[in-house]
């Protein structure tokens, strides 16, 4: 009976060792998962920061495009006004010269 108790004790000890090994594996796995979660959280934070930076860059580019577009529209309007002035400049000069000639006579 003592021998049987010894075998049972050895079996219990063996099972306890297996359980301890399994617990150690699980603790290690939990630590790995926690580390991965920390990495994922940091990656997420970095992505959010990148999104904020690129959103700002995009907004600045949109503002710049808007200003350039307005400048282009203004330039086109100035060119159109210059063309109109040039169109009327010749006849106006002739008219003024004609009036001067009339005044001189």
PDB file of N, CA and C in Angstrom:
ATOM      1  N   UNK A   1       0.821  -1.200   0.000  1.00  0.00           N
ATOM      2  CA  UNK A   1       0.000   0.000   0.000  1.00  0.00           C
ATOM      3  C   UNK A   1       0.862   1.260   0.000  1.00  0.00           C
ATOM      4  N   UNK A   2       1.965   1.208   0.661  1.00  0.00           N
ATOM      5  CA  UNK A   2       2.887   2.337   0.674  1.00  0.00           C
ATOM      6  C   UNK A   2       3.422   2.592  -0.730  1.00  0.00           C
ATOM      7  N   UNK A   3       3.695   1.488  -1.409  1.00  0.00           N
ATOM      8  CA  UNK A   3       4.194   1.596  -2.785  1.00  0.00           C
ATOM      9  C   UNK A   3       3.143   2.253  -3.684  1.00  0.00           C
ATOM     10  N   UNK A   4       1.912   1.870  -3.473  1.00  0.00           N
ATOM     11  CA  UNK A   4       0.821   2.437  -4.269  1.00  0.00           C
ATOM     12  C   UNK A   4       0.688   3.942  -3.973  1.00  0.00           C
ATOM     13  N   UNK A   5       0.795   4.303  -2.710  1.00  0.00           N
ATOM     14  CA  UNK A   5       0.730   5.719  -2.331  1.00  0.00           C
ATOM     15  C   UNK A   5       1.890   6.491  -2.946  1.00  0.00           C
ATOM     16  N   UNK A   6       3.084   5.861  -2.992  1.00  0.00           N
ATOM     17  CA  UNK A   6       4.265   6.501  -3.595  1.00  0.00           C
ATOM     18  C   UNK A   6       4.029   6.745  -5.085  1.00  0.00           C
ATOM     19  N   UNK A   7       3.471   5.730  -5.774  1.00  0.00           N
ATOM     20  CA  UNK A   7       3.189   5.864  -7.211  1.00  0.00           C
ATOM     21  C   UNK A   7       2.164   6.978  -7.443  1.00  0.00           C
ATOM     22  N   UNK A   8       1.146   6.992  -6.580  1.00  0.00           N
ATOM     23  CA  UNK A   8       0.113   8.021  -6.707  1.00  0.00           C
ATOM     24  C   UNK A   8       0.707   9.409  -6.460  1.00  0.00           C
ATOM     25  N   UNK A   9       1.593   9.504  -5.493  1.00  0.00           N
ATOM     26  CA  UNK A   9       2.257  10.764  -5.196  1.00  0.00           C
ATOM     27  C   UNK A   9       3.138  11.203  -6.365  1.00  0.00           C
ATOM     28  N   UNK A  10       3.857  10.242  -6.968  1.00  0.00           N
ATOM     29  CA  UNK A  10       4.682  10.549  -8.141  1.00  0.00           C
ATOM     30  C   UNK A  10       3.812  11.031  -9.295  1.00  0.00           C
ATOM     31  N   UNK A  11       2.667  10.348  -9.456  1.00  0.00           N
ATOM     32  CA  UNK A  11       1.745  10.748 -10.520  1.00  0.00           C
ATOM     33  C   UNK A  11       1.232  12.172 -10.264  1.00  0.00           C
ATOM     34  N   UNK A  12       0.877  12.450  -9.041  1.00  0.00           N
ATOM     35  CA  UNK A  12       0.405  13.801  -8.686  1.00  0.00           C
ATOM     36  C   UNK A  12       1.508  14.830  -8.913  1.00  0.00           C
ATOM     37  N   UNK A  13       2.707  14.453  -8.511  1.00  0.00           N
ATOM     38  CA  UNK A  13       3.845  15.359  -8.710  1.00  0.00           C
ATOM     39  C   UNK A  13       4.073  15.609 -10.203  1.00  0.00           C
ATOM     40  N   UNK A  14       3.972  14.545 -10.996  1.00  0.00           N
ATOM     41  CA  UNK A  14       4.137  14.665 -12.450  1.00  0.00           C
ATOM     42  C   UNK A  14       3.048  15.570 -13.036  1.00  0.00           C
ATOM     43  N   UNK A  15       1.801  15.348 -12.592  1.00  0.00           N
ATOM     44  CA  UNK A  15       0.687  16.179 -13.074  1.00  0.00           C
ATOM     45  C   UNK A  15       0.896  17.639 -12.656  1.00  0.00           C
ATOM     46  N   UNK A  16       1.395  17.830 -11.453  1.00  0.00           N
ATOM     47  CA  UNK A  16       1.645  19.187 -10.963  1.00  0.00           C
ATOM     48  C   UNK A  16       2.730  19.857 -11.802  1.00  0.00           C
ATOM     49  N   UNK A  17       3.759  19.107 -12.164  1.00  0.00           N
ATOM     50  CA  UNK A  17       4.822  19.643 -13.024  1.00  0.00           C
ATOM     51  C   UNK A  17       4.278  20.022 -14.393  1.00  0.00           C
ATOM     52  N   UNK A  18       3.448  19.118 -14.956  1.00  0.00           N
ATOM     53  CA  UNK A  18       2.821  19.407 -16.256  1.00  0.00           C
ATOM     54  C   UNK A  18       1.982  20.684 -16.161  1.00  0.00           C
ATOM     55  N   UNK A  19       1.221  20.795 -15.082  1.00  0.00           N
ATOM     56  CA  UNK A  19       0.377  21.977 -14.895  1.00  0.00           C
ATOM     57  C   UNK A  19       1.239  23.230 -14.759  1.00  0.00           C
ATOM     58  N   UNK A  20       2.341  23.122 -14.016  1.00  0.00           N
ATOM     59  CA  UNK A  20       3.247  24.273 -13.860  1.00  0.00           C
ATOM     60  C   UNK A  20       3.841  24.675 -15.200  1.00  0.00           C
ATOM     61  N   UNK A  21       4.244  23.667 -15.997  1.00  0.00           N
ATOM     62  CA  UNK A  21       4.783  23.956 -17.334  1.00  0.00           C
ATOM     63  C   UNK A  21       3.727  24.619 -18.213  1.00  0.00           C
ATOM     64  N   UNK A  22       2.521  24.113 -18.144  1.00  0.00           N
ATOM     65  CA  UNK A  22       1.425  24.672 -18.944  1.00  0.00           C
ATOM     66  C   UNK A  22       1.143  26.112 -18.508  1.00  0.00           C
ATOM     67  N   UNK A  23       1.148  26.341 -17.201  1.00  0.00           N
ATOM     68  CA  UNK A  23       0.926  27.697 -16.678  1.00  0.00           C
ATOM     69  C   UNK A  23       2.037  28.629 -17.158  1.00  0.00           C
ATOM     70  N   UNK A  24       3.276  28.152 -17.125  1.00  0.00           N
ATOM     71  CA  UNK A  24       4.404  28.974 -17.586  1.00  0.00           C
ATOM     72  C   UNK A  24       4.240  29.317 -19.062  1.00  0.00           C
ATOM     73  N   UNK A  25       3.804  28.331 -19.869  1.00  0.00           N
ATOM     74  CA  UNK A  25       3.571  28.584 -21.301  1.00  0.00           C
ATOM     75  C   UNK A  25       2.475  29.632 -21.481  1.00  0.00           C
ATOM     76  N   UNK A  26       1.402  29.480 -20.699  1.00  0.00           N
ATOM     77  CA  UNK A  26       0.286  30.425 -20.815  1.00  0.00           C
ATOM     78  C   UNK A  26       0.701  31.831 -20.388  1.00  0.00           C
ATOM     79  N   UNK A  27       1.483  31.923 -19.316  1.00  0.00           N
ATOM     80  CA  UNK A  27       1.965  33.230 -18.855  1.00  0.00           C
ATOM     81  C   UNK A  27       2.827  33.873 -19.939  1.00  0.00           C
ATOM     82  N   UNK A  28       3.693  33.057 -20.553  1.00  0.00           N
ATOM     83  CA  UNK A  28       4.552  33.567 -21.628  1.00  0.00           C
ATOM     84  C   UNK A  28       3.705  34.036 -22.813  1.00  0.00           C
ATOM     85  N   UNK A  29       2.682  33.242 -23.162  1.00  0.00           N
ATOM     86  CA  UNK A  29       1.803  33.591 -24.284  1.00  0.00           C
ATOM     87  C   UNK A  29       1.037  34.887 -23.989  1.00  0.00           C
ATOM     88  N   UNK A  30       0.564  35.013 -22.753  1.00  0.00           N
ATOM     89  CA  UNK A  30      -0.150  36.238 -22.357  1.00  0.00           C
ATOM     90  C   UNK A  30       0.772  37.443 -22.492  1.00  0.00           C
ATOM     91  N   UNK A  31       2.019  37.284 -22.048  1.00  0.00           N
ATOM     92  CA  UNK A  31       2.992  38.379 -22.148  1.00  0.00           C
ATOM     93  C   UNK A  31       3.232  38.758 -23.610  1.00  0.00           C
ATOM     94  N   UNK A  32       3.354  37.741 -24.476  1.00  0.00           N
ATOM     95  CA  UNK A  32       3.538  38.004 -25.911  1.00  0.00           C
ATOM     96  C   UNK A  32       2.349  38.774 -26.470  1.00  0.00           C
ATOM     97  N   UNK A  33       1.147  38.332 -26.101  1.00  0.00           N
ATOM     98  CA  UNK A  33      -0.060  39.005 -26.599  1.00  0.00           C
ATOM     99  C   UNK A  33      -0.158  40.442 -26.082  1.00  0.00           C
ATOM    100  N   UNK A  34       0.208  40.644 -24.816  1.00  0.00           N
ATOM    101  CA  UNK A  34       0.198  42.006 -24.269  1.00  0.00           C
ATOM    102  C   UNK A  34       1.203  42.887 -24.999  1.00  0.00           C
ATOM    103  N   UNK A  35       2.380  42.324 -25.293  1.00  0.00           N
ATOM    104  CA  UNK A  35       3.389  43.087 -26.045  1.00  0.00           C
ATOM    105  C   UNK A  35       2.880  43.435 -27.437  1.00  0.00           C
ATOM    106  N   UNK A  36       2.236  42.460 -28.081  1.00  0.00           N
ATOM    107  CA  UNK A  36       1.678  42.732 -29.420  1.00  0.00           C
ATOM    108  C   UNK A  36       0.606  43.806 -29.350  1.00  0.00           C
ATOM    109  N   UNK A  37      -0.209  43.743 -28.294  1.00  0.00           N
ATOM    110  CA  UNK A  37      -1.253  44.755 -28.139  1.00  0.00           C
ATOM    111  C   UNK A  37      -0.635  46.136 -27.954  1.00  0.00           C
ATOM    112  N   UNK A  38       0.428  46.212 -27.149  1.00  0.00           N
ATOM    113  CA  UNK A  38       1.117  47.493 -26.961  1.00  0.00           C
ATOM    114  C   UNK A  38       1.672  48.007 -28.286  1.00  0.00           C
ATOM    115  N   UNK A  39       2.270  47.096 -29.070  1.00  0.00           N
ATOM    116  CA  UNK A  39       2.792  47.487 -30.385  1.00  0.00           C
ATOM    117  C   UNK A  39       1.664  47.967 -31.288  1.00  0.00           C
ATOM    118  N   UNK A  40       0.542  47.234 -31.262  1.00  0.00           N
ATOM    119  CA  UNK A  40      -0.604  47.615 -32.095  1.00  0.00           C
ATOM    120  C   UNK A  40      -1.147  48.979 -31.664  1.00  0.00           C
ATOM    121  N   UNK A  41      -1.219  49.199 -30.355  1.00  0.00           N
ATOM    122  CA  UNK A  41      -1.692  50.497 -29.853  1.00  0.00           C
ATOM    123  C   UNK A  41      -0.764  51.621 -30.301  1.00  0.00           C
ATOM    124  N   UNK A  42       0.543  51.386 -30.199  1.00  0.00           N
ATOM    125  CA  UNK A  42       1.513  52.404 -30.613  1.00  0.00           C
ATOM    126  C   UNK A  42       1.408  52.661 -32.114  1.00  0.00           C
ATOM    127  N   UNK A  43       1.241  51.584 -32.894  1.00  0.00           N
ATOM    128  CA  UNK A  43       1.085  51.714 -34.343  1.00  0.00           C
ATOM    129  C   UNK A  43      -0.162  52.538 -34.656  1.00  0.00           C
ATOM    130  N   UNK A  44      -1.243  52.264 -33.922  1.00  0.00           N
ATOM    131  CA  UNK A  44      -2.495  52.998 -34.120  1.00  0.00           C
ATOM    132  C   UNK A  44      -2.297  54.487 -33.816  1.00  0.00           C
ATOM    133  N   UNK A  45      -1.598  54.767 -32.720  1.00  0.00           N
ATOM    134  CA  UNK A  45      -1.319  56.164 -32.352  1.00  0.00           C
ATOM    135  C   UNK A  45      -0.477  56.832 -33.437  1.00  0.00           C
ATOM    136  N   UNK A  46       0.541  56.111 -33.927  1.00  0.00           N
ATOM    137  CA  UNK A  46       1.389  56.665 -34.990  1.00  0.00           C
ATOM    138  C   UNK A  46       0.572  56.936 -36.247  1.00  0.00           C
ATOM    139  N   UNK A  47      -0.333  56.009 -36.586  1.00  0.00           N
ATOM    140  CA  UNK A  47      -1.184  56.217 -37.762  1.00  0.00           C
ATOM    141  C   UNK A  47      -2.068  57.446 -37.581  1.00  0.00           C
ATOM    142  N   UNK A  48      -2.640  57.591 -36.391  1.00  0.00           N
ATOM    143  CA  UNK A  48      -3.480  58.768 -36.136  1.00  0.00           C
ATOM    144  C   UNK A  48      -2.668  60.051 -36.286  1.00  0.00           C
ATOM    145  N   UNK A  49      -1.440  60.034 -35.755  1.00  0.00           N
ATOM    146  CA  UNK A  49      -0.574  61.209 -35.892  1.00  0.00           C
ATOM    147  C   UNK A  49      -0.276  61.486 -37.360  1.00  0.00           C
ATOM    148  N   UNK A  50       0.029  60.419 -38.128  1.00  0.00           N
ATOM    149  CA  UNK A  50       0.301  60.584 -39.556  1.00  0.00           C
ATOM    150  C   UNK A  50      -0.913  61.158 -40.273  1.00  0.00           C
ATOM    151  N   UNK A  51      -2.095  60.655 -39.930  1.00  0.00           N
ATOM    152  CA  UNK A  51      -3.323  61.148 -40.560  1.00  0.00           C
ATOM    153  C   UNK A  51      -3.494  62.640 -40.270  1.00  0.00           C
ATOM    154  N   UNK A  52      -3.236  63.042 -39.020  1.00  0.00           N
ATOM    155  CA  UNK A  52      -3.359  64.464 -38.670  1.00  0.00           C
ATOM    156  C   UNK A  52      -2.371  65.305 -39.473  1.00  0.00           C
ATOM    157  N   UNK A  53      -1.133  64.821 -39.563  1.00  0.00           N
ATOM    158  CA  UNK A  53      -0.103  65.557 -40.312  1.00  0.00           C
ATOM    159  C   UNK A  53      -0.512  65.665 -41.774  1.00  0.00           C
ATOM    160  N   UNK A  54      -0.909  64.528 -42.383  1.00  0.00           N
ATOM    161  CA  UNK A  54      -1.257  64.552 -43.804  1.00  0.00           C
ATOM    162  C   UNK A  54      -2.529  65.341 -44.056  1.00  0.00           C
ATOM    163  N   UNK A  55      -3.447  65.341 -43.086  1.00  0.00           N
ATOM    164  CA  UNK A  55      -4.659  66.153 -43.234  1.00  0.00           C
ATOM    165  C   UNK A  55      -4.274  67.630 -43.278  1.00  0.00           C
ATOM    166  N   UNK A  56      -3.336  68.028 -42.414  1.00  0.00           N
ATOM    167  CA  UNK A  56      -2.860  69.415 -42.396  1.00  0.00           C
ATOM    168  C   UNK A  56      -2.157  69.752 -43.704  1.00  0.00           C
ATOM    169  N   UNK A  57      -1.295  68.836 -44.167  1.00  0.00           N
ATOM    170  CA  UNK A  57      -0.588  69.055 -45.437  1.00  0.00           C
ATOM    171  C   UNK A  57      -1.596  69.191 -46.572  1.00  0.00           C
ATOM    172  N   UNK A  58      -2.595  68.309 -46.592  1.00  0.00           N
ATOM    173  CA  UNK A  58      -3.615  68.354 -47.637  1.00  0.00           C
ATOM    174  C   UNK A  58      -4.386  69.669 -47.583  1.00  0.00           C
ATOM    175  N   UNK A  59      -4.741  70.105 -46.373  1.00  0.00           N
ATOM    176  CA  UNK A  59      -5.464  71.370 -46.234  1.00  0.00           C
ATOM    177  C   UNK A  59      -4.622  72.532 -46.755  1.00  0.00           C
ATOM    178  N   UNK A  60      -3.327  72.519 -46.421  1.00  0.00           N
ATOM    179  CA  UNK A  60      -2.435  73.572 -46.916  1.00  0.00           C
ATOM    180  C   UNK A  60      -2.364  73.554 -48.435  1.00  0.00           C
ATOM    181  N   UNK A  61      -2.281  72.342 -49.017  1.00  0.00           N
ATOM    182  CA  UNK A  61      -2.247  72.237 -50.479  1.00  0.00           C
ATOM    183  C   UNK A  61      -3.553  72.738 -51.095  1.00  0.00           C
ATOM    184  N   UNK A  62      -4.675  72.366 -50.477  1.00  0.00           N
ATOM    185  CA  UNK A  62      -5.963  72.837 -50.992  1.00  0.00           C
ATOM    186  C   UNK A  62      -6.041  74.361 -50.936  1.00  0.00           C
ATOM    187  N   UNK A  63      -5.558  74.935 -49.836  1.00  0.00           N
ATOM    188  CA  UNK A  63      -5.552  76.398 -49.712  1.00  0.00           C
ATOM    189  C   UNK A  63      -4.683  77.023 -50.797  1.00  0.00           C
ATOM    190  N   UNK A  64      -3.513  76.420 -51.021  1.00  0.00           N
ATOM    191  CA  UNK A  64      -2.595  76.948 -52.030  1.00  0.00           C
ATOM    192  C   UNK A  64      -3.211  76.852 -53.424  1.00  0.00           C
ATOM    193  N   UNK A  65      -3.838  75.706 -53.723  1.00  0.00           N
ATOM    194  CA  UNK A  65      -4.499  75.543 -55.025  1.00  0.00           C
ATOM    195  C   UNK A  65      -5.598  76.589 -55.178  1.00  0.00           C
ATOM    196  N   UNK A  66      -6.342  76.833 -54.102  1.00  0.00           N
ATOM    197  CA  UNK A  66      -7.394  77.850 -54.153  1.00  0.00           C
ATOM    198  C   UNK A  66      -6.832  79.224 -54.462  1.00  0.00           C
ATOM    199  N   UNK A  67      -5.719  79.569 -53.783  1.00  0.00           N
ATOM    200  CA  UNK A  67      -5.095  80.881 -54.038  1.00  0.00           C
ATOM    201  C   UNK A  67      -4.588  80.970 -55.471  1.00  0.00           C
ATOM    202  N   UNK A  68      -3.940  79.902 -55.938  1.00  0.00           N
ATOM    203  CA  UNK A  68      -3.405  79.902 -57.307  1.00  0.00           C
ATOM    204  C   UNK A  68      -4.544  80.021 -58.312  1.00  0.00           C
ATOM    205  N   UNK A  69      -5.646  79.313 -58.050  1.00  0.00           N
ATOM    206  CA  UNK A  69      -6.802  79.394 -58.954  1.00  0.00           C
ATOM    207  C   UNK A  69      -7.345  80.817 -59.001  1.00  0.00           C
ATOM    208  N   UNK A  70      -7.446  81.448 -57.824  1.00  0.00           N
ATOM    209  CA  UNK A  70      -7.941  82.831 -57.789  1.00  0.00           C
ATOM    210  C   UNK A  70      -6.991  83.757 -58.539  1.00  0.00           C
ATOM    211  N   UNK A  71      -5.673  83.528 -58.351  1.00  0.00           N
ATOM    212  CA  UNK A  71      -4.690  84.345 -59.067  1.00  0.00           C
ATOM    213  C   UNK A  71      -4.830  84.150 -60.571  1.00  0.00           C
ATOM    214  N   UNK A  72      -5.052  82.905 -60.995  1.00  0.00           N
ATOM    215  CA  UNK A  72      -5.198  82.626 -62.425  1.00  0.00           C
ATOM    216  C   UNK A  72      -6.442  83.319 -62.971  1.00  0.00           C
ATOM    217  N   UNK A  73      -7.538  83.267 -62.212  1.00  0.00           N
ATOM    218  CA  UNK A  73      -8.775  83.931 -62.643  1.00  0.00           C
ATOM    219  C   UNK A  73      -8.538  85.434 -62.727  1.00  0.00           C
ATOM    220  N   UNK A  74      -7.868  85.991 -61.723  1.00  0.00           N
ATOM    221  CA  UNK A  74      -7.573  87.428 -61.728  1.00  0.00           C
ATOM    222  C   UNK A  74      -6.705  87.787 -62.924  1.00  0.00           C
ATOM    223  N   UNK A  75      -5.684  86.960 -63.182  1.00  0.00           N
ATOM    224  CA  UNK A  75      -4.809  87.219 -64.334  1.00  0.00           C
ATOM    225  C   UNK A  75      -5.611  87.202 -65.637  1.00  0.00           C
ATOM    226  N   UNK A  76      -6.507  86.220 -65.767  1.00  0.00           N
ATOM    227  CA  UNK A  76      -7.330  86.142 -66.984  1.00  0.00           C
ATOM    228  C   UNK A  76      -8.205  87.387 -67.122  1.00  0.00           C
ATOM    229  N   UNK A  77      -8.767  87.834 -66.010  1.00  0.00           N
ATOM    230  CA  UNK A  77      -9.618  89.036 -66.065  1.00  0.00           C
ATOM    231  C   UNK A  77      -8.803  90.259 -66.473  1.00  0.00           C
ATOM    232  N   UNK A  78      -7.597  90.376 -65.918  1.00  0.00           N
ATOM    233  CA  UNK A  78      -6.724  91.499 -66.281  1.00  0.00           C
ATOM    234  C   UNK A  78      -6.396  91.432 -67.765  1.00  0.00           C
ATOM    235  N   UNK A  79      -6.079  90.238 -68.260  1.00  0.00           N
ATOM    236  CA  UNK A  79      -5.768  90.091 -69.690  1.00  0.00           C
ATOM    237  C   UNK A  79      -6.968  90.490 -70.545  1.00  0.00           C
ATOM    238  N   UNK A  80      -8.170  90.060 -70.113  1.00  0.00           N
ATOM    239  CA  UNK A  80      -9.368  90.419 -70.884  1.00  0.00           C
ATOM    240  C   UNK A  80      -9.580  91.932 -70.875  1.00  0.00           C
ATOM    241  N   UNK A  81      -9.380  92.557 -69.722  1.00  0.00           N
ATOM    242  CA  UNK A  81      -9.540  94.014 -69.652  1.00  0.00           C
ATOM    243  C   UNK A  81      -8.502  94.715 -70.519  1.00  0.00           C
ATOM    244  N   UNK A  82      -7.265  94.210 -70.495  1.00  0.00           N
ATOM    245  CA  UNK A  82      -6.225  94.784 -71.357  1.00  0.00           C
ATOM    246  C   UNK A  82      -6.603  94.664 -72.826  1.00  0.00           C
ATOM    247  N   UNK A  83      -7.161  93.511 -73.201  1.00  0.00           N
ATOM    248  CA  UNK A  83      -7.585  93.335 -74.599  1.00  0.00           C
ATOM    249  C   UNK A  83      -8.675  94.338 -74.952  1.00  0.00           C
ATOM    250  N   UNK A  84      -9.618  94.544 -74.027  1.00  0.00           N
ATOM    251  CA  UNK A  84     -10.690  95.510 -74.285  1.00  0.00           C
ATOM    252  C   UNK A  84     -10.119  96.916 -74.421  1.00  0.00           C
ATOM    253  N   UNK A  85      -9.193  97.262 -73.515  1.00  0.00           N
ATOM    254  CA  UNK A  85      -8.578  98.588 -73.577  1.00  0.00           C
ATOM    255  C   UNK A  85      -7.869  98.755 -74.910  1.00  0.00           C
ATOM    256  N   UNK A  86      -7.099  97.728 -75.326  1.00  0.00           N
ATOM    257  CA  UNK A  86      -6.382  97.811 -76.605  1.00  0.00           C
ATOM    258  C   UNK A  86      -7.351  97.929 -77.772  1.00  0.00           C
ATOM    259  N   UNK A  87      -8.498  97.266 -77.657  1.00  0.00           N
ATOM    260  CA  UNK A  87      -9.494  97.329 -78.729  1.00  0.00           C
ATOM    261  C   UNK A  87     -10.002  98.761 -78.907  1.00  0.00           C
ATOM    262  N   UNK A  88     -10.223  99.445 -77.795  1.00  0.00           N
ATOM    263  CA  UNK A  88     -10.754 100.808 -77.874  1.00  0.00           C
ATOM    264  C   UNK A  88      -9.675 101.875 -77.940  1.00  0.00           C
ATOM    265  N   UNK A  89      -8.426 101.507 -77.668  1.00  0.00           N
ATOM    266  CA  UNK A  89      -7.347 102.484 -77.620  1.00  0.00           C
ATOM    267  C   UNK A  89      -7.125 103.155 -78.983  1.00  0.00           C
ATOM    268  N   UNK A  90      -7.048 102.348 -80.028  1.00  0.00           N
ATOM    269  CA  UNK A  90      -6.814 102.907 -81.378  1.00  0.00           C
ATOM    270  C   UNK A  90      -7.896 103.892 -81.787  1.00  0.00           C
ATOM    271  N   UNK A  91      -9.168 103.492 -81.750  1.00  0.00           N
ATOM    272  CA  UNK A  91     -10.234 104.426 -82.129  1.00  0.00           C
ATOM    273  C   UNK A  91     -10.269 105.667 -81.237  1.00  0.00           C
ATOM    274  N   UNK A  92      -9.987 105.493 -79.929  1.00  0.00           N
ATOM    275  CA  UNK A  92      -9.995 106.644 -79.028  1.00  0.00           C
ATOM    276  C   UNK A  92      -8.880 107.623 -79.398  1.00  0.00           C
ATOM    277  N   UNK A  93      -7.693 107.104 -79.739  1.00  0.00           N
ATOM    278  CA  UNK A  93      -6.582 107.978 -80.138  1.00  0.00           C
ATOM    279  C   UNK A  93      -6.947 108.746 -81.404  1.00  0.00           C
ATOM    280  N   UNK A  94      -7.557 108.036 -82.356  1.00  0.00           N
ATOM    281  CA  UNK A  94      -7.957 108.712 -83.601  1.00  0.00           C
ATOM    282  C   UNK A  94      -9.005 109.791 -83.314  1.00  0.00           C
ATOM    283  N   UNK A  95      -9.940 109.470 -82.433  1.00  0.00           N
ATOM    284  CA  UNK A  95     -10.979 110.433 -82.074  1.00  0.00           C
ATOM    285  C   UNK A  95     -10.362 111.664 -81.405  1.00  0.00           C
ATOM    286  N   UNK A  96      -9.432 111.425 -80.457  1.00  0.00           N
ATOM    287  CA  UNK A  96      -8.779 112.546 -79.776  1.00  0.00           C
ATOM    288  C   UNK A  96      -7.959 113.380 -80.757  1.00  0.00           C
ATOM    289  N   UNK A  97      -7.234 112.714 -81.647  1.00  0.00           N
ATOM    290  CA  UNK A  97      -6.463 113.447 -82.658  1.00  0.00           C
ATOM    291  C   UNK A  97      -7.395 114.277 -83.545  1.00  0.00           C
ATOM    292  N   UNK A  98      -8.528 113.684 -83.902  1.00  0.00           N
ATOM    293  CA  UNK A  98      -9.504 114.415 -84.720  1.00  0.00           C
ATOM    294  C   UNK A  98     -10.028 115.631 -83.985  1.00  0.00           C
ATOM    295  N   UNK A  99     -10.306 115.484 -82.684  1.00  0.00           N
ATOM    296  CA  UNK A  99     -10.798 116.611 -81.895  1.00  0.00           C
ATOM    297  C   UNK A  99      -9.741 117.699 -81.781  1.00  0.00           C
ATOM    298  N   UNK A 100      -8.481 117.297 -81.631  1.00  0.00           N
ATOM    299  CA  UNK A 100      -7.396 118.276 -81.551  1.00  0.00           C
ATOM    300  C   UNK A 100      -7.306 119.065 -82.859  1.00  0.00           C
ATOM    301  N   UNK A 101      -7.434 118.329 -83.957  1.00  0.00           N
ATOM    302  CA  UNK A 101      -7.358 119.003 -85.262  1.00  0.00           C
ATOM    303  C   UNK A 101      -8.496 120.004 -85.401  1.00  0.00           C
ATOM    304  N   UNK A 102      -9.691 119.612 -84.927  1.00  0.00           N
ATOM    305  CA  UNK A 102     -10.846 120.511 -85.004  1.00  0.00           C
ATOM    306  C   UNK A 102     -10.586 121.734 -84.126  1.00  0.00           C
ATOM    307  N   UNK A 103     -10.024 121.517 -82.936  1.00  0.00           N
ATOM    308  CA  UNK A 103      -9.719 122.628 -82.036  1.00  0.00           C
ATOM    309  C   UNK A 103      -8.682 123.566 -82.654  1.00  0.00           C
ATOM    310  N   UNK A 104      -7.722 122.996 -83.352  1.00  0.00           N
ATOM    311  CA  UNK A 104      -6.659 123.798 -83.951  1.00  0.00           C
ATOM    312  C   UNK A 104      -7.177 124.613 -85.129  1.00  0.00           C
ATOM    313  N   UNK A 105      -8.218 124.198 -85.754  1.00  0.00           N
ATOM    314  CA  UNK A 105      -8.736 124.925 -86.923  1.00  0.00           C
ATOM    315  C   UNK A 105      -9.573 126.051 -86.522  1.00  0.00           C
TER     316      UNK A 105
END
